[in-house]
N, C-alpha and C. Protein backbone atom coordinates (compact mmCIF):
# COMPACT_ATOMS: atom_id res chain seq x y z
N UNK A 1 0.81 -1.22 0.02
CA UNK A 1 0.00 0.04 0.04
C UNK A 1 0.92 1.28 0.04
N UNK A 2 0.43 2.23 -0.77
CA UNK A 2 1.10 3.58 -0.70
C UNK A 2 0.38 4.46 0.31
N UNK A 3 1.17 5.01 1.18
CA UNK A 3 0.59 5.96 2.18
C UNK A 3 1.14 7.32 1.76
N UNK A 4 0.16 8.16 1.56
CA UNK A 4 0.50 9.55 1.10
C UNK A 4 -0.03 10.59 2.17
N UNK A 5 0.92 11.43 2.69
CA UNK A 5 0.63 12.36 3.64
C UNK A 5 0.75 13.78 3.05
N UNK A 6 -0.25 14.57 2.99
CA UNK A 6 -0.29 15.98 2.44
C UNK A 6 -0.35 16.93 3.64
N UNK A 7 0.52 17.87 3.72
CA UNK A 7 0.45 18.88 4.79
C UNK A 7 0.27 20.27 4.17
N UNK A 8 -0.69 20.97 4.82
CA UNK A 8 -1.00 22.33 4.41
C UNK A 8 -1.15 23.21 5.55
N UNK A 9 -0.97 24.52 5.44
CA UNK A 9 -1.15 25.42 6.53
C UNK A 9 -2.62 25.86 6.65
N UNK A 10 -2.91 26.68 7.69
CA UNK A 10 -4.25 27.04 7.96
C UNK A 10 -4.87 27.87 6.84
N UNK A 11 -4.14 28.46 5.99
CA UNK A 11 -4.59 29.21 4.77
C UNK A 11 -4.81 28.33 3.57
N UNK A 12 -4.60 27.08 3.72
CA UNK A 12 -4.74 26.08 2.57
C UNK A 12 -3.58 26.09 1.63
N UNK A 13 -2.44 26.52 2.09
CA UNK A 13 -1.25 26.55 1.22
C UNK A 13 -0.48 25.25 1.48
N UNK A 14 -0.13 24.61 0.40
CA UNK A 14 0.65 23.32 0.45
C UNK A 14 2.02 23.64 1.02
N UNK A 15 2.39 22.77 2.05
CA UNK A 15 3.69 22.96 2.67
C UNK A 15 4.54 21.70 2.42
N UNK A 16 4.05 20.46 2.40
CA UNK A 16 4.82 19.23 2.24
C UNK A 16 4.01 18.10 1.79
N UNK A 17 4.69 17.18 1.26
CA UNK A 17 3.91 15.83 0.87
C UNK A 17 4.92 14.77 0.91
N UNK A 18 4.49 13.57 1.41
CA UNK A 18 5.32 12.43 1.42
C UNK A 18 4.45 11.25 0.97
N UNK A 19 5.22 10.31 0.20
CA UNK A 19 4.56 9.10 -0.23
C UNK A 19 5.58 7.96 0.09
N UNK A 20 5.10 6.92 0.59
CA UNK A 20 5.92 5.72 0.83
C UNK A 20 5.11 4.44 0.62
N UNK A 21 5.78 3.47 0.08
CA UNK A 21 5.21 2.16 -0.12
C UNK A 21 5.01 1.79 -1.60
N UNK A 22 4.49 0.63 -1.75
CA UNK A 22 4.17 0.19 -3.16
C UNK A 22 2.76 -0.28 -3.20
N UNK A 23 2.05 0.09 -4.27
CA UNK A 23 0.59 -0.28 -4.36
C UNK A 23 0.36 -1.84 -4.42
N UNK A 24 1.24 -2.50 -5.25
CA UNK A 24 1.04 -3.90 -5.44
C UNK A 24 -0.27 -4.22 -6.31
N UNK A 25 -0.65 -3.24 -7.11
CA UNK A 25 -1.85 -3.46 -7.99
C UNK A 25 -1.40 -4.15 -9.25
N UNK A 26 -0.14 -4.05 -9.64
CA UNK A 26 0.35 -4.74 -10.91
C UNK A 26 1.81 -4.99 -10.70
N UNK A 27 2.44 -5.58 -11.71
CA UNK A 27 3.80 -6.02 -11.64
C UNK A 27 4.67 -4.75 -11.66
N UNK A 28 5.85 -4.84 -11.16
CA UNK A 28 6.81 -3.84 -11.10
C UNK A 28 7.00 -3.24 -12.50
N UNK A 29 6.95 -1.85 -12.52
CA UNK A 29 7.10 -1.21 -13.82
C UNK A 29 5.87 -1.04 -14.61
N UNK A 30 4.73 -1.74 -14.20
CA UNK A 30 3.46 -1.56 -14.92
C UNK A 30 2.26 -1.46 -13.97
N UNK A 31 2.54 -0.93 -12.82
CA UNK A 31 1.46 -0.75 -11.78
C UNK A 31 0.83 0.66 -12.00
N UNK A 32 -0.44 0.57 -12.49
CA UNK A 32 -1.20 1.84 -12.74
C UNK A 32 -1.30 2.73 -11.56
N UNK A 33 -1.51 2.15 -10.39
CA UNK A 33 -1.71 3.01 -9.17
C UNK A 33 -0.45 3.67 -8.80
N UNK A 34 0.71 2.96 -8.72
CA UNK A 34 1.96 3.62 -8.44
C UNK A 34 2.28 4.70 -9.50
N UNK A 35 2.01 4.44 -10.79
CA UNK A 35 2.27 5.41 -11.80
C UNK A 35 1.45 6.62 -11.54
N UNK A 36 0.12 6.47 -11.26
CA UNK A 36 -0.73 7.63 -11.03
C UNK A 36 -0.24 8.50 -9.87
N UNK A 37 0.16 7.86 -8.79
CA UNK A 37 0.63 8.67 -7.63
C UNK A 37 1.92 9.35 -8.07
N UNK A 38 2.82 8.62 -8.65
CA UNK A 38 4.09 9.33 -9.15
C UNK A 38 3.81 10.52 -10.05
N UNK A 39 2.98 10.38 -11.01
CA UNK A 39 2.69 11.45 -11.96
C UNK A 39 2.07 12.65 -11.23
N UNK A 40 1.18 12.43 -10.27
CA UNK A 40 0.58 13.56 -9.56
C UNK A 40 1.62 14.34 -8.78
N UNK A 41 2.47 13.56 -8.00
CA UNK A 41 3.51 14.17 -7.18
C UNK A 41 4.59 14.88 -8.01
N UNK A 42 5.07 14.23 -9.08
CA UNK A 42 6.06 14.91 -9.90
C UNK A 42 5.61 16.13 -10.65
N UNK A 43 4.32 16.08 -11.07
CA UNK A 43 3.79 17.26 -11.74
C UNK A 43 3.63 18.45 -10.76
N UNK A 44 3.18 18.16 -9.60
CA UNK A 44 2.99 19.20 -8.60
C UNK A 44 4.45 19.81 -8.26
N UNK A 45 5.41 19.01 -8.07
CA UNK A 45 6.74 19.52 -7.73
C UNK A 45 7.36 20.34 -8.90
N UNK A 46 7.30 19.79 -10.08
CA UNK A 46 7.84 20.46 -11.23
C UNK A 46 7.12 21.79 -11.50
N UNK A 47 5.79 21.89 -11.27
CA UNK A 47 5.20 23.13 -11.38
C UNK A 47 5.58 24.12 -10.34
N UNK A 48 5.78 23.63 -9.03
CA UNK A 48 6.18 24.57 -8.03
C UNK A 48 7.62 25.08 -8.20
N UNK A 49 8.42 24.18 -8.73
CA UNK A 49 9.84 24.61 -9.09
C UNK A 49 9.92 25.74 -10.13
N UNK A 50 8.85 25.90 -10.89
CA UNK A 50 8.83 26.99 -11.97
C UNK A 50 8.56 28.36 -11.38
N UNK A 51 8.16 28.34 -10.03
CA UNK A 51 7.85 29.67 -9.39
C UNK A 51 9.08 30.13 -8.62
N UNK A 52 9.76 31.21 -9.14
CA UNK A 52 11.02 31.67 -8.53
C UNK A 52 10.93 32.09 -7.10
N UNK A 53 9.68 32.53 -6.63
CA UNK A 53 9.53 32.93 -5.31
C UNK A 53 9.52 31.77 -4.29
N UNK A 54 9.34 30.61 -4.79
CA UNK A 54 9.35 29.42 -3.89
C UNK A 54 10.63 28.67 -3.84
N UNK A 55 10.82 28.05 -2.69
CA UNK A 55 12.01 27.15 -2.49
C UNK A 55 11.38 25.74 -2.21
N UNK A 56 11.62 24.86 -3.08
CA UNK A 56 11.16 23.48 -2.92
C UNK A 56 12.29 22.50 -2.98
N UNK A 57 12.28 21.57 -2.02
CA UNK A 57 13.23 20.51 -2.00
C UNK A 57 12.47 19.16 -2.14
N UNK A 58 13.02 18.26 -2.89
CA UNK A 58 12.40 16.98 -3.07
C UNK A 58 13.42 15.88 -2.91
N UNK A 59 12.96 14.72 -2.44
CA UNK A 59 13.88 13.58 -2.21
C UNK A 59 13.18 12.34 -2.64
N UNK A 60 13.96 11.54 -3.29
CA UNK A 60 13.40 10.14 -3.58
C UNK A 60 14.63 9.25 -3.38
N UNK A 61 14.78 8.88 -2.02
CA UNK A 61 15.96 8.14 -1.62
C UNK A 61 16.03 6.71 -2.10
N UNK A 62 14.82 6.14 -2.42
CA UNK A 62 14.75 4.83 -3.00
C UNK A 62 13.34 4.64 -3.64
N UNK A 63 13.27 3.59 -4.42
CA UNK A 63 12.00 3.26 -5.07
C UNK A 63 10.91 3.10 -4.03
N UNK A 64 9.78 3.73 -4.29
CA UNK A 64 8.69 3.68 -3.34
C UNK A 64 8.70 4.76 -2.25
N UNK A 65 9.66 5.69 -2.31
CA UNK A 65 9.67 6.72 -1.36
C UNK A 65 9.94 8.14 -2.10
N UNK A 66 9.09 9.04 -1.75
CA UNK A 66 9.18 10.39 -2.38
C UNK A 66 8.58 11.33 -1.43
N UNK A 67 9.30 12.51 -1.18
CA UNK A 67 8.77 13.52 -0.43
C UNK A 67 9.25 14.92 -0.93
N UNK A 68 8.49 15.93 -0.62
CA UNK A 68 8.89 17.25 -0.93
C UNK A 68 8.39 18.23 0.13
N UNK A 69 9.06 19.39 0.18
CA UNK A 69 8.80 20.41 1.21
C UNK A 69 8.92 21.77 0.59
N UNK A 70 8.04 22.70 0.90
CA UNK A 70 8.08 24.08 0.50
C UNK A 70 8.72 24.87 1.68
N UNK A 71 9.81 25.50 1.36
CA UNK A 71 10.44 26.34 2.43
C UNK A 71 10.18 27.80 2.30
N UNK A 72 10.31 28.50 3.48
CA UNK A 72 10.18 29.94 3.43
C UNK A 72 8.73 30.33 3.74
N UNK A 73 8.62 31.60 4.01
CA UNK A 73 7.26 32.11 4.24
C UNK A 73 6.82 32.82 2.99
N UNK A 74 5.53 32.50 2.69
CA UNK A 74 4.92 33.14 1.52
C UNK A 74 4.02 34.24 2.01
N UNK A 75 4.28 35.45 1.64
CA UNK A 75 3.50 36.57 2.07
C UNK A 75 2.33 36.86 1.00
N UNK A 76 1.43 37.58 1.38
CA UNK A 76 0.31 37.98 0.47
C UNK A 76 0.88 38.87 -0.78
N UNK A 77 2.01 39.38 -0.63
CA UNK A 77 2.55 40.20 -1.75
C UNK A 77 3.10 39.27 -2.89
N UNK A 78 3.27 38.00 -2.58
CA UNK A 78 3.67 37.12 -3.57
C UNK A 78 2.48 36.31 -4.19
N UNK A 79 1.68 37.06 -4.88
CA UNK A 79 0.35 36.42 -5.38
C UNK A 79 0.61 35.18 -6.19
N UNK A 80 1.61 35.15 -7.05
CA UNK A 80 1.85 34.08 -7.89
C UNK A 80 2.21 32.84 -7.07
N UNK A 81 3.05 33.01 -6.07
CA UNK A 81 3.46 31.91 -5.16
C UNK A 81 2.24 31.34 -4.37
N UNK A 82 1.47 32.33 -3.80
CA UNK A 82 0.26 31.94 -3.08
C UNK A 82 -0.75 31.14 -3.96
N UNK A 83 -1.01 31.65 -5.13
CA UNK A 83 -1.85 30.89 -6.08
C UNK A 83 -1.31 29.53 -6.40
N UNK A 84 -0.03 29.44 -6.62
CA UNK A 84 0.65 28.18 -6.98
C UNK A 84 0.50 27.19 -5.91
N UNK A 85 0.69 27.59 -4.62
CA UNK A 85 0.61 26.68 -3.48
C UNK A 85 -0.84 26.31 -3.26
N UNK A 86 -1.83 27.17 -3.36
CA UNK A 86 -3.12 26.76 -3.19
C UNK A 86 -3.58 25.83 -4.34
N UNK A 87 -3.26 26.13 -5.51
CA UNK A 87 -3.66 25.27 -6.65
C UNK A 87 -2.94 23.93 -6.54
N UNK A 88 -1.75 23.85 -6.18
CA UNK A 88 -0.98 22.55 -5.94
C UNK A 88 -1.70 21.69 -4.87
N UNK A 89 -2.10 22.35 -3.84
CA UNK A 89 -2.76 21.66 -2.70
C UNK A 89 -4.08 21.06 -3.21
N UNK A 90 -4.91 21.90 -3.96
CA UNK A 90 -6.16 21.41 -4.51
C UNK A 90 -5.87 20.24 -5.52
N UNK A 91 -4.96 20.40 -6.37
CA UNK A 91 -4.57 19.44 -7.41
C UNK A 91 -4.20 18.12 -6.80
N UNK A 92 -3.35 18.12 -5.77
CA UNK A 92 -3.00 16.88 -5.11
C UNK A 92 -4.04 16.27 -4.27
N UNK A 93 -4.81 17.10 -3.56
CA UNK A 93 -5.83 16.60 -2.68
C UNK A 93 -6.93 15.97 -3.53
N UNK A 94 -7.24 16.50 -4.60
CA UNK A 94 -8.30 15.95 -5.36
C UNK A 94 -7.84 14.71 -6.11
N UNK A 95 -6.68 14.76 -6.73
CA UNK A 95 -6.15 13.59 -7.43
C UNK A 95 -5.88 12.38 -6.51
N UNK A 96 -5.29 12.65 -5.39
CA UNK A 96 -4.92 11.61 -4.42
C UNK A 96 -6.12 11.02 -3.76
N UNK A 97 -7.08 11.91 -3.37
CA UNK A 97 -8.30 11.42 -2.74
C UNK A 97 -9.16 10.57 -3.65
N UNK A 98 -9.17 10.98 -4.94
CA UNK A 98 -9.81 10.15 -5.97
C UNK A 98 -9.19 8.73 -6.14
N UNK A 99 -7.91 8.72 -6.17
CA UNK A 99 -7.22 7.42 -6.30
C UNK A 99 -7.47 6.58 -5.06
N UNK A 100 -7.44 7.23 -3.90
CA UNK A 100 -7.65 6.41 -2.64
C UNK A 100 -9.16 5.88 -2.65
N UNK A 101 -10.08 6.62 -3.18
CA UNK A 101 -11.46 6.18 -3.22
C UNK A 101 -11.68 5.06 -4.21
N UNK A 102 -10.96 5.16 -5.37
CA UNK A 102 -11.10 4.16 -6.35
C UNK A 102 -10.30 2.95 -6.09
N UNK A 103 -9.12 3.06 -5.39
CA UNK A 103 -8.29 1.98 -5.11
C UNK A 103 -7.97 1.96 -3.58
N UNK A 104 -8.99 1.73 -2.68
CA UNK A 104 -8.69 1.89 -1.28
C UNK A 104 -7.74 0.77 -0.68
N UNK A 105 -7.63 -0.26 -1.42
CA UNK A 105 -6.76 -1.33 -0.89
C UNK A 105 -5.24 -1.04 -1.31
N UNK A 106 -5.08 -0.04 -2.12
CA UNK A 106 -3.69 0.33 -2.63
C UNK A 106 -3.14 1.59 -2.19
N UNK A 107 -4.12 2.57 -1.83
CA UNK A 107 -3.64 3.94 -1.56
C UNK A 107 -4.41 4.41 -0.24
N UNK A 108 -3.62 4.91 0.65
CA UNK A 108 -4.14 5.62 1.88
C UNK A 108 -3.70 7.05 1.77
N UNK A 109 -4.68 7.93 1.74
CA UNK A 109 -4.30 9.38 1.57
C UNK A 109 -4.81 10.06 2.92
N UNK A 110 -3.88 10.86 3.38
CA UNK A 110 -4.15 11.60 4.66
C UNK A 110 -3.72 13.05 4.45
N UNK A 111 -4.57 13.98 4.95
CA UNK A 111 -4.20 15.37 4.93
C UNK A 111 -4.09 15.93 6.36
N UNK A 112 -3.21 16.84 6.61
CA UNK A 112 -3.05 17.47 7.95
C UNK A 112 -2.82 19.01 7.75
N UNK A 113 -3.22 19.76 8.78
CA UNK A 113 -2.97 21.09 8.87
C UNK A 113 -1.76 21.29 9.74
N UNK A 114 -0.74 22.00 9.35
CA UNK A 114 0.43 22.28 10.12
C UNK A 114 0.61 23.81 10.24
N UNK A 115 1.28 24.23 11.24
CA UNK A 115 1.50 25.68 11.35
C UNK A 115 3.02 25.94 11.21
């Protein structure tokens, strides 16, 4: 099972996300659930890396493990960064919760608010 933990602040801004595990829905290299989680996470990170006002670090220490974190404080003056973080949070939350609903035996999705 893949366990995905999404962290956002009280304003709904994405702060971090981690995923660990293997879905086991298909054979290695052709597991559609693993692929879907990977595509969602990589797309979110690549999109955030395009925003110069944001500092994002990502790690994939081994197969089946991926996490990223957004560093720094985003002020209201950085509208592009605020929008990007809110959109990324919605994008990931909807995509991952849909996957968890469709494949509950393979994906556990959790969200938390952090300060």
